[in-house]
Amino acid sequence: MTRPEHVYATLLGIVLIIAGFQPCSPVHAQDWTDREVALAKLCANEATFREIDCVAITEARGRYTVIELRSMHRRAFAVGRTDSRRWIETLNADATMPIGWPERLVPWESRGKALWLNTLRTVRATLRGERHACGGQTPSIWGGKIDAAHIRRRIEQGWVVLACPGAANTFMRRGSR
């Protein structure tokens, strides 16, 4: 390398450092919107990291703003959670380990971070219309085994259970009554 090339390379390096260029950091907060992060947190709360459930949840809630999501799902977005899933509160766009993460059960760097990033990617793909979970039908509500009585009441009210192969939750939409 000639002296002028060396000076140029050095100056370029300084400019890139000042500009905040980080070639070794593949995840940046600006890569994910607040809405994508909120929907991914909702997926983590409602379905842990199950992809199909996340697709269906995103289809059901993807049209709402972050403020509406927080209002609709107060527990999922509660500040100061003290339960075993308090880590959901601090999941973030930077994909840094959330406070309270169960590190002994699921090491963040080797598994948890990949699960979170996959959830973010799943939300984005679903919002773009690239993923569908329930045969093209958009669910309105869902529930798990713990919600069996609620699901039965909804069915009695005319709600329809959707076929969402592989989903752990039961997804439903209003019937045509």
Protein backbone atom coordinates (compact mmCIF):
# COMPACT_ATOMS: atom_id res chain seq x y z
CA MET A 1 0.00 0.00 0.00
CA THR A 2 1.38 3.38 -0.95
CA ARG A 3 1.51 6.24 1.54
CA PRO A 4 -1.50 8.08 0.00
CA GLU A 5 -3.52 4.84 0.02
CA HIS A 6 -2.57 4.28 3.66
CA VAL A 7 -3.60 7.84 4.61
CA TYR A 8 -6.88 7.40 2.70
CA ALA A 9 -7.61 4.07 4.40
CA THR A 10 -6.84 5.53 7.82
CA LEU A 11 -9.07 8.56 7.24
CA LEU A 12 -11.86 6.34 5.91
CA GLY A 13 -11.59 4.18 9.04
CA ILE A 14 -11.83 7.22 11.29
CA VAL A 15 -14.87 8.53 9.41
CA LEU A 16 -16.60 5.14 9.65
CA ILE A 17 -15.92 4.96 13.39
CA ILE A 18 -17.25 8.48 13.94
CA ALA A 19 -20.32 7.65 11.84
CA GLY A 20 -21.00 4.65 14.05
CA PHE A 21 -20.31 1.96 11.46
CA GLN A 22 -20.04 -1.40 13.20
CA PRO A 23 -19.13 -4.11 10.70
CA CYS A 24 -19.18 -6.89 13.34
CA SER A 25 -22.65 -6.14 14.70
CA PRO A 26 -25.36 -7.75 12.56
CA VAL A 27 -28.27 -6.52 14.70
CA HIS A 28 -29.19 -2.86 15.04
CA ALA A 29 -32.25 -1.43 16.74
CA GLN A 30 -33.15 0.53 13.63
CA ASP A 31 -33.67 -2.75 11.77
CA TRP A 32 -36.98 -3.38 13.56
CA THR A 33 -39.94 -1.04 13.94
CA ASP A 34 -41.61 -0.43 17.30
CA ARG A 35 -44.69 -2.22 15.94
CA GLU A 36 -42.66 -5.27 14.91
CA VAL A 37 -41.03 -5.43 18.35
CA ALA A 38 -44.41 -5.03 20.08
CA LEU A 39 -45.97 -7.82 17.99
CA ALA A 40 -42.95 -10.05 18.62
CA LYS A 41 -43.27 -9.41 22.38
CA LEU A 42 -46.95 -10.33 22.13
CA CYS A 43 -45.94 -13.54 20.33
CA ALA A 44 -43.41 -14.33 23.05
CA ASN A 45 -46.02 -13.73 25.73
CA GLU A 46 -48.81 -15.70 24.06
CA ALA A 47 -46.89 -18.49 22.33
CA THR A 48 -43.30 -18.35 23.61
CA PHE A 49 -41.36 -18.82 20.36
CA ARG A 50 -43.75 -21.04 18.39
CA GLU A 51 -43.62 -19.79 14.81
CA ILE A 52 -47.06 -20.85 13.56
CA ASP A 53 -48.75 -19.30 16.58
CA CYS A 54 -46.75 -16.11 16.04
CA VAL A 55 -47.88 -15.94 12.42
CA ALA A 56 -51.53 -16.30 13.46
CA ILE A 57 -51.16 -13.75 16.29
CA THR A 58 -49.52 -11.28 13.91
CA GLU A 59 -52.31 -11.84 11.39
CA ALA A 60 -54.86 -11.17 14.13
CA ARG A 61 -53.16 -8.09 15.56
CA GLY A 62 -50.98 -6.75 12.75
CA ARG A 63 -53.34 -3.93 11.82
CA TYR A 64 -53.18 -2.32 15.26
CA THR A 65 -50.85 0.43 16.45
CA VAL A 66 -48.44 -0.09 19.34
CA ILE A 67 -50.70 1.98 21.60
CA GLU A 68 -53.71 -0.17 20.67
CA LEU A 69 -51.73 -3.37 21.22
CA ARG A 70 -50.65 -2.21 24.68
CA SER A 71 -54.24 -1.35 25.53
CA MET A 72 -55.60 -4.67 24.26
CA HIS A 73 -52.93 -6.82 25.90
CA ARG A 74 -52.12 -5.10 29.19
CA ARG A 75 -50.53 -8.15 30.84
CA ALA A 76 -48.23 -8.84 27.89
CA PHE A 77 -46.98 -5.25 27.97
CA ALA A 78 -47.13 -4.72 31.74
CA VAL A 79 -44.34 -2.65 33.22
CA GLY A 80 -42.62 -4.19 36.22
CA ARG A 81 -43.79 -7.77 35.76
CA THR A 82 -42.68 -10.02 38.58
CA ASP A 83 -43.74 -13.39 37.19
CA SER A 84 -41.47 -15.99 35.61
CA ARG A 85 -41.95 -14.34 32.23
CA ARG A 86 -40.86 -10.86 33.31
CA TRP A 87 -38.12 -11.06 30.67
CA ILE A 88 -40.72 -10.33 27.98
CA GLU A 89 -40.88 -6.71 29.16
CA THR A 90 -37.24 -6.07 28.22
CA LEU A 91 -37.06 -7.93 24.91
CA ASN A 92 -35.79 -5.32 22.50
CA ALA A 93 -34.82 -4.42 18.95
CA ASP A 94 -31.11 -4.70 19.78
CA ALA A 95 -31.54 -8.37 20.73
CA THR A 96 -29.62 -7.91 23.96
CA MET A 97 -30.40 -10.41 26.70
CA PRO A 98 -33.56 -9.31 28.52
CA ILE A 99 -33.58 -8.80 32.26
CA GLY A 100 -34.84 -11.91 34.01
CA TRP A 101 -34.12 -14.17 31.03
CA PRO A 102 -33.99 -17.86 32.15
CA GLU A 103 -30.32 -18.18 31.17
CA ARG A 104 -29.81 -21.57 32.85
CA LEU A 105 -32.70 -23.10 30.92
CA VAL A 106 -32.14 -21.37 27.57
CA PRO A 107 -28.73 -19.73 27.13
CA TRP A 108 -29.30 -16.38 25.42
CA GLU A 109 -26.27 -16.32 23.14
CA SER A 110 -26.58 -19.89 21.90
CA ARG A 111 -30.41 -20.23 21.68
CA GLY A 112 -32.50 -17.40 23.08
CA LYS A 113 -31.20 -14.65 20.85
CA ALA A 114 -31.78 -16.77 17.73
CA LEU A 115 -35.34 -17.54 18.89
CA TRP A 116 -36.04 -13.82 19.45
CA LEU A 117 -34.57 -12.77 16.10
CA ASN A 118 -36.58 -15.49 14.36
CA THR A 119 -39.72 -14.17 16.05
CA LEU A 120 -38.95 -10.66 14.79
CA ARG A 121 -38.37 -12.01 11.25
CA THR A 122 -41.61 -14.03 11.45
CA VAL A 123 -43.56 -10.91 12.44
CA ARG A 124 -42.03 -8.90 9.59
CA ALA A 125 -42.71 -11.60 6.99
CA THR A 126 -46.29 -11.95 8.21
CA LEU A 127 -46.90 -8.20 8.08
CA ARG A 128 -45.62 -8.27 4.48
CA GLY A 129 -48.14 -11.00 3.65
CA GLU A 130 -45.46 -13.64 3.12
CA ARG A 131 -46.65 -15.99 5.90
CA HIS A 132 -50.09 -17.41 6.73
CA ALA A 133 -51.07 -19.80 9.49
CA CYS A 134 -54.77 -20.56 9.19
CA GLY A 135 -55.41 -21.36 5.55
CA GLY A 136 -55.63 -17.71 4.56
CA GLN A 137 -58.28 -16.90 7.18
CA THR A 138 -57.40 -14.15 9.63
CA PRO A 139 -58.07 -15.02 13.26
CA SER A 140 -59.61 -12.49 15.64
CA ILE A 141 -58.93 -14.14 18.97
CA TRP A 142 -57.06 -17.09 20.41
CA GLY A 143 -56.61 -19.09 23.55
CA GLY A 144 -54.64 -21.96 24.97
CA LYS A 145 -55.60 -25.02 27.00
CA ILE A 146 -56.01 -22.81 30.04
CA ASP A 147 -58.72 -20.89 28.16
CA ALA A 148 -60.89 -23.94 27.33
CA ALA A 149 -64.02 -22.58 29.07
CA HIS A 150 -63.65 -19.23 27.31
CA ILE A 151 -63.21 -20.96 23.95
CA ARG A 152 -66.35 -23.09 24.55
CA ARG A 153 -68.37 -19.94 25.34
CA ARG A 154 -67.14 -18.27 22.16
CA ILE A 155 -68.10 -21.30 20.07
CA GLU A 156 -71.57 -21.20 21.67
CA GLN A 157 -71.76 -17.54 20.63
CA GLY A 158 -71.09 -18.49 17.00
CA TRP A 159 -67.33 -18.05 16.77
CA VAL A 160 -65.56 -20.43 14.38
CA VAL A 161 -62.39 -22.36 15.22
CA LEU A 162 -59.85 -22.03 12.42
CA ALA A 163 -57.65 -24.83 11.17
CA CYS A 164 -54.12 -23.65 11.93
CA PRO A 165 -51.94 -26.77 11.53
CA GLY A 166 -49.13 -26.97 14.06
CA ALA A 167 -50.45 -24.20 16.30
CA ALA A 168 -50.55 -24.80 20.04
CA ASN A 169 -53.23 -22.15 20.61
CA THR A 170 -56.79 -22.33 19.32
CA PHE A 171 -57.47 -19.49 16.87
CA MET A 172 -60.99 -18.28 16.11
CA ARG A 173 -62.90 -15.70 14.12
CA ARG A 174 -66.47 -14.46 14.25
CA GLY A 175 -68.96 -16.72 12.54
CA SER A 176 -71.48 -15.62 9.95
CA ARG A 177 -74.47 -15.77 12.30
